Amino acid sequence: MGSQTATSSERLRTYWMPTMERYFIDLMLDQMHRGNRVGHTFTKQAWADMLVLFSAKFGSPHDKDLLKNRYSTLWKQYTMMSRICLNKVDFLGMIVNK
């Protein structure tokens, strides 16, 4: 579910569905509340736990890099939206000096 293969030699491409993203966010929140977040990332055990739960819910093939890349994407989106909401970035994404 959510993955497609073009050829056997290419890496699998995961298309993130809203349910997958929401579940991943819930997993991250759970790990954060358990104290398994260090700075802006999670412990190795937290990543392993999230991977097991995510794979169990959505099936294979998912790996830690997939989750880490999605985390990075979500973090960048959060940062940009925070700046927009604080009027530090205009609508084109350019930094505004105020």
N, C-alpha and C. Protein backbone atom coordinates (compact mmCIF):
# COMPACT_ATOMS: atom_id res chain seq x y z
N MET A 1 0.84 -1.19 0.00
CA MET A 1 0.00 0.00 0.00
C MET A 1 0.87 1.24 0.00
N GLY A 2 0.73 2.09 -0.98
CA GLY A 2 1.48 3.32 -1.03
C GLY A 2 2.81 3.24 -1.74
N SER A 3 3.23 2.05 -2.20
CA SER A 3 4.50 1.90 -2.88
C SER A 3 4.28 1.34 -4.27
N GLN A 4 5.16 1.73 -5.20
CA GLN A 4 5.10 1.22 -6.55
C GLN A 4 6.51 0.95 -7.03
N THR A 5 6.66 -0.01 -7.94
CA THR A 5 7.95 -0.32 -8.51
C THR A 5 7.89 -0.12 -10.02
N ALA A 6 8.83 0.66 -10.56
CA ALA A 6 8.89 0.87 -12.00
C ALA A 6 9.62 -0.30 -12.66
N THR A 7 10.80 -0.62 -12.17
CA THR A 7 11.54 -1.80 -12.62
C THR A 7 12.20 -2.42 -11.41
N SER A 8 12.66 -3.64 -11.56
CA SER A 8 13.25 -4.34 -10.43
C SER A 8 14.57 -3.73 -9.98
N SER A 9 15.24 -2.97 -10.87
CA SER A 9 16.54 -2.38 -10.52
C SER A 9 16.41 -1.02 -9.84
N GLU A 10 15.24 -0.40 -9.89
CA GLU A 10 15.05 0.91 -9.28
C GLU A 10 14.61 0.77 -7.83
N ARG A 11 14.91 1.78 -7.05
CA ARG A 11 14.48 1.80 -5.66
C ARG A 11 12.98 2.04 -5.60
N LEU A 12 12.33 1.43 -4.64
CA LEU A 12 10.89 1.60 -4.49
C LEU A 12 10.57 3.04 -4.12
N ARG A 13 9.51 3.53 -4.67
CA ARG A 13 9.06 4.90 -4.42
C ARG A 13 7.82 4.82 -3.53
N THR A 14 7.85 5.53 -2.43
CA THR A 14 6.70 5.56 -1.53
C THR A 14 5.93 6.84 -1.74
N TYR A 15 4.66 6.71 -2.00
CA TYR A 15 3.77 7.85 -2.11
C TYR A 15 3.03 7.99 -0.79
N TRP A 16 3.30 9.06 -0.08
CA TRP A 16 2.73 9.25 1.25
C TRP A 16 1.26 9.66 1.14
N MET A 17 0.42 8.84 1.71
CA MET A 17 -1.01 9.13 1.79
C MET A 17 -1.25 9.89 3.10
N PRO A 18 -2.31 10.69 3.19
CA PRO A 18 -2.58 11.43 4.42
C PRO A 18 -2.67 10.53 5.66
N THR A 19 -3.22 9.34 5.52
CA THR A 19 -3.32 8.43 6.67
C THR A 19 -1.93 7.98 7.12
N MET A 20 -1.02 7.79 6.18
CA MET A 20 0.34 7.38 6.53
C MET A 20 1.05 8.51 7.26
N GLU A 21 0.90 9.72 6.75
CA GLU A 21 1.55 10.87 7.37
C GLU A 21 1.01 11.11 8.78
N ARG A 22 -0.29 11.04 8.93
CA ARG A 22 -0.91 11.26 10.25
C ARG A 22 -0.44 10.21 11.25
N TYR A 23 -0.38 8.96 10.82
CA TYR A 23 0.07 7.90 11.71
C TYR A 23 1.53 8.11 12.11
N PHE A 24 2.37 8.50 11.15
CA PHE A 24 3.77 8.76 11.44
C PHE A 24 3.92 9.91 12.43
N ILE A 25 3.13 10.96 12.26
CA ILE A 25 3.17 12.09 13.20
C ILE A 25 2.75 11.63 14.59
N ASP A 26 1.71 10.79 14.66
CA ASP A 26 1.29 10.25 15.96
C ASP A 26 2.38 9.41 16.60
N LEU A 27 3.09 8.63 15.79
CA LEU A 27 4.21 7.83 16.32
C LEU A 27 5.31 8.74 16.87
N MET A 28 5.61 9.80 16.14
CA MET A 28 6.65 10.73 16.61
C MET A 28 6.23 11.42 17.91
N LEU A 29 4.98 11.82 17.99
CA LEU A 29 4.48 12.46 19.21
C LEU A 29 4.57 11.50 20.39
N ASP A 30 4.22 10.25 20.17
CA ASP A 30 4.30 9.25 21.22
C ASP A 30 5.73 9.08 21.71
N GLN A 31 6.67 8.99 20.77
CA GLN A 31 8.08 8.85 21.15
C GLN A 31 8.60 10.09 21.87
N MET A 32 8.14 11.26 21.45
CA MET A 32 8.54 12.50 22.11
C MET A 32 8.05 12.51 23.56
N HIS A 33 6.79 12.12 23.76
CA HIS A 33 6.23 12.09 25.11
C HIS A 33 6.92 11.04 25.99
N ARG A 34 7.48 10.02 25.40
CA ARG A 34 8.22 8.99 26.15
C ARG A 34 9.65 9.44 26.46
N GLY A 35 10.04 10.61 25.94
CA GLY A 35 11.38 11.13 26.19
C GLY A 35 12.43 10.58 25.25
N ASN A 36 12.01 10.08 24.10
CA ASN A 36 12.95 9.47 23.15
C ASN A 36 13.34 10.40 22.02
N ARG A 37 13.25 11.68 22.27
CA ARG A 37 13.67 12.68 21.29
C ARG A 37 14.83 13.46 21.89
N VAL A 38 15.93 13.54 21.13
CA VAL A 38 17.12 14.25 21.58
C VAL A 38 17.36 15.39 20.61
N GLY A 39 17.23 16.61 21.08
CA GLY A 39 17.38 17.76 20.19
C GLY A 39 16.28 17.76 19.14
N HIS A 40 16.69 17.72 17.88
CA HIS A 40 15.72 17.73 16.78
C HIS A 40 15.54 16.36 16.15
N THR A 41 16.02 15.33 16.79
CA THR A 41 15.87 13.99 16.24
C THR A 41 15.50 13.01 17.34
N PHE A 42 15.38 11.75 16.96
CA PHE A 42 14.97 10.71 17.90
C PHE A 42 16.11 9.74 18.15
N THR A 43 16.01 9.00 19.24
CA THR A 43 17.02 7.99 19.54
C THR A 43 16.93 6.85 18.54
N LYS A 44 18.00 6.05 18.48
CA LYS A 44 18.00 4.89 17.58
C LYS A 44 16.86 3.95 17.91
N GLN A 45 16.60 3.76 19.20
CA GLN A 45 15.52 2.87 19.61
C GLN A 45 14.16 3.42 19.19
N ALA A 46 13.99 4.73 19.27
CA ALA A 46 12.73 5.34 18.86
C ALA A 46 12.49 5.10 17.37
N TRP A 47 13.54 5.29 16.54
CA TRP A 47 13.41 5.04 15.10
C TRP A 47 13.05 3.58 14.85
N ALA A 48 13.70 2.68 15.57
CA ALA A 48 13.42 1.25 15.39
C ALA A 48 11.98 0.93 15.77
N ASP A 49 11.52 1.48 16.89
CA ASP A 49 10.14 1.25 17.33
C ASP A 49 9.13 1.80 16.34
N MET A 50 9.38 3.01 15.86
CA MET A 50 8.47 3.63 14.90
C MET A 50 8.43 2.82 13.60
N LEU A 51 9.59 2.33 13.17
CA LEU A 51 9.65 1.55 11.95
C LEU A 51 8.84 0.26 12.07
N VAL A 52 8.95 -0.42 13.19
CA VAL A 52 8.19 -1.66 13.41
C VAL A 52 6.69 -1.38 13.35
N LEU A 53 6.24 -0.36 14.06
CA LEU A 53 4.82 -0.04 14.09
C LEU A 53 4.31 0.44 12.73
N PHE A 54 5.11 1.28 12.06
CA PHE A 54 4.71 1.80 10.76
C PHE A 54 4.61 0.67 9.73
N SER A 55 5.62 -0.20 9.72
CA SER A 55 5.62 -1.31 8.77
C SER A 55 4.49 -2.29 9.05
N ALA A 56 4.18 -2.49 10.32
CA ALA A 56 3.08 -3.40 10.68
C ALA A 56 1.75 -2.85 10.18
N LYS A 57 1.58 -1.55 10.24
CA LYS A 57 0.32 -0.95 9.82
C LYS A 57 0.20 -0.84 8.30
N PHE A 58 1.30 -0.47 7.62
CA PHE A 58 1.22 -0.20 6.19
C PHE A 58 1.95 -1.22 5.32
N GLY A 59 2.58 -2.20 5.93
CA GLY A 59 3.25 -3.24 5.16
C GLY A 59 4.64 -2.86 4.70
N SER A 60 5.28 -3.78 4.04
CA SER A 60 6.65 -3.59 3.55
C SER A 60 6.60 -2.94 2.18
N PRO A 61 7.64 -2.45 1.66
CA PRO A 61 8.98 -2.32 2.23
C PRO A 61 9.21 -0.90 2.72
N HIS A 62 9.35 -0.74 3.98
CA HIS A 62 9.66 0.56 4.56
C HIS A 62 10.94 0.40 5.36
N ASP A 63 11.78 1.43 5.32
CA ASP A 63 13.01 1.38 6.10
C ASP A 63 13.18 2.68 6.88
N LYS A 64 14.20 2.68 7.73
CA LYS A 64 14.43 3.83 8.59
C LYS A 64 14.71 5.10 7.79
N ASP A 65 15.41 4.96 6.67
CA ASP A 65 15.71 6.13 5.83
C ASP A 65 14.43 6.79 5.31
N LEU A 66 13.44 5.97 4.97
CA LEU A 66 12.16 6.51 4.51
C LEU A 66 11.54 7.39 5.58
N LEU A 67 11.51 6.89 6.82
CA LEU A 67 10.93 7.67 7.92
C LEU A 67 11.76 8.91 8.21
N LYS A 68 13.08 8.78 8.20
CA LYS A 68 13.93 9.93 8.48
C LYS A 68 13.79 11.01 7.40
N ASN A 69 13.68 10.60 6.15
CA ASN A 69 13.50 11.57 5.07
C ASN A 69 12.16 12.28 5.20
N ARG A 70 11.12 11.54 5.59
CA ARG A 70 9.82 12.17 5.76
C ARG A 70 9.84 13.14 6.94
N TYR A 71 10.54 12.74 8.02
CA TYR A 71 10.69 13.62 9.18
C TYR A 71 11.36 14.93 8.75
N SER A 72 12.40 14.82 7.94
CA SER A 72 13.12 16.00 7.48
C SER A 72 12.21 16.90 6.64
N THR A 73 11.42 16.30 5.77
CA THR A 73 10.48 17.05 4.94
C THR A 73 9.45 17.76 5.80
N LEU A 74 8.89 17.04 6.77
CA LEU A 74 7.89 17.63 7.65
C LEU A 74 8.49 18.76 8.48
N TRP A 75 9.73 18.59 8.94
CA TRP A 75 10.40 19.63 9.73
C TRP A 75 10.60 20.90 8.90
N LYS A 76 11.01 20.73 7.64
CA LYS A 76 11.19 21.89 6.76
C LYS A 76 9.86 22.61 6.52
N GLN A 77 8.80 21.85 6.31
CA GLN A 77 7.49 22.45 6.10
C GLN A 77 7.04 23.19 7.35
N TYR A 78 7.26 22.60 8.51
CA TYR A 78 6.90 23.24 9.78
C TYR A 78 7.66 24.55 9.95
N THR A 79 8.96 24.51 9.68
CA THR A 79 9.79 25.71 9.83
C THR A 79 9.32 26.83 8.91
N MET A 80 9.02 26.48 7.66
CA MET A 80 8.56 27.50 6.72
C MET A 80 7.22 28.08 7.15
N MET A 81 6.29 27.23 7.57
CA MET A 81 4.99 27.72 8.01
C MET A 81 5.11 28.58 9.26
N SER A 82 6.00 28.22 10.16
CA SER A 82 6.21 29.02 11.37
C SER A 82 6.70 30.42 11.01
N ARG A 83 7.63 30.48 10.05
CA ARG A 83 8.15 31.78 9.62
C ARG A 83 7.06 32.60 8.95
N ILE A 84 6.24 31.96 8.13
CA ILE A 84 5.15 32.68 7.47
C ILE A 84 4.18 33.22 8.51
N CYS A 85 3.84 32.38 9.49
CA CYS A 85 2.89 32.81 10.53
C CYS A 85 3.45 33.93 11.39
N LEU A 86 4.75 33.99 11.52
CA LEU A 86 5.38 35.05 12.30
C LEU A 86 5.77 36.24 11.43
N ASN A 87 5.32 36.23 10.17
CA ASN A 87 5.60 37.32 9.22
C ASN A 87 7.08 37.55 8.98
N LYS A 88 7.88 36.49 9.05
CA LYS A 88 9.30 36.62 8.77
C LYS A 88 9.62 36.21 7.33
N VAL A 89 8.62 35.69 6.63
CA VAL A 89 8.80 35.28 5.24
C VAL A 89 7.59 35.77 4.47
N ASP A 90 7.82 36.34 3.29
CA ASP A 90 6.68 36.77 2.49
C ASP A 90 6.09 35.57 1.76
N PHE A 91 5.05 35.78 1.00
CA PHE A 91 4.34 34.68 0.38
C PHE A 91 5.16 33.94 -0.67
N LEU A 92 6.25 34.49 -1.15
CA LEU A 92 7.11 33.82 -2.12
C LEU A 92 8.24 33.05 -1.45
N GLY A 93 8.27 33.07 -0.12
CA GLY A 93 9.29 32.36 0.60
C GLY A 93 10.58 33.12 0.79
N MET A 94 10.57 34.41 0.52
CA MET A 94 11.76 35.21 0.68
C MET A 94 11.79 35.77 2.10
N ILE A 95 12.96 35.77 2.70
CA ILE A 95 13.09 36.27 4.08
C ILE A 95 12.89 37.77 4.10
N VAL A 96 12.08 38.21 5.02
CA VAL A 96 11.75 39.63 5.16
C VAL A 96 12.49 40.17 6.37
N ASN A 97 13.18 41.27 6.20
CA ASN A 97 13.86 41.92 7.32
C ASN A 97 12.92 42.90 7.97
N LYS A 98 12.54 42.59 9.20
CA LYS A 98 11.64 43.47 9.94
C LYS A 98 12.27 43.90 11.22
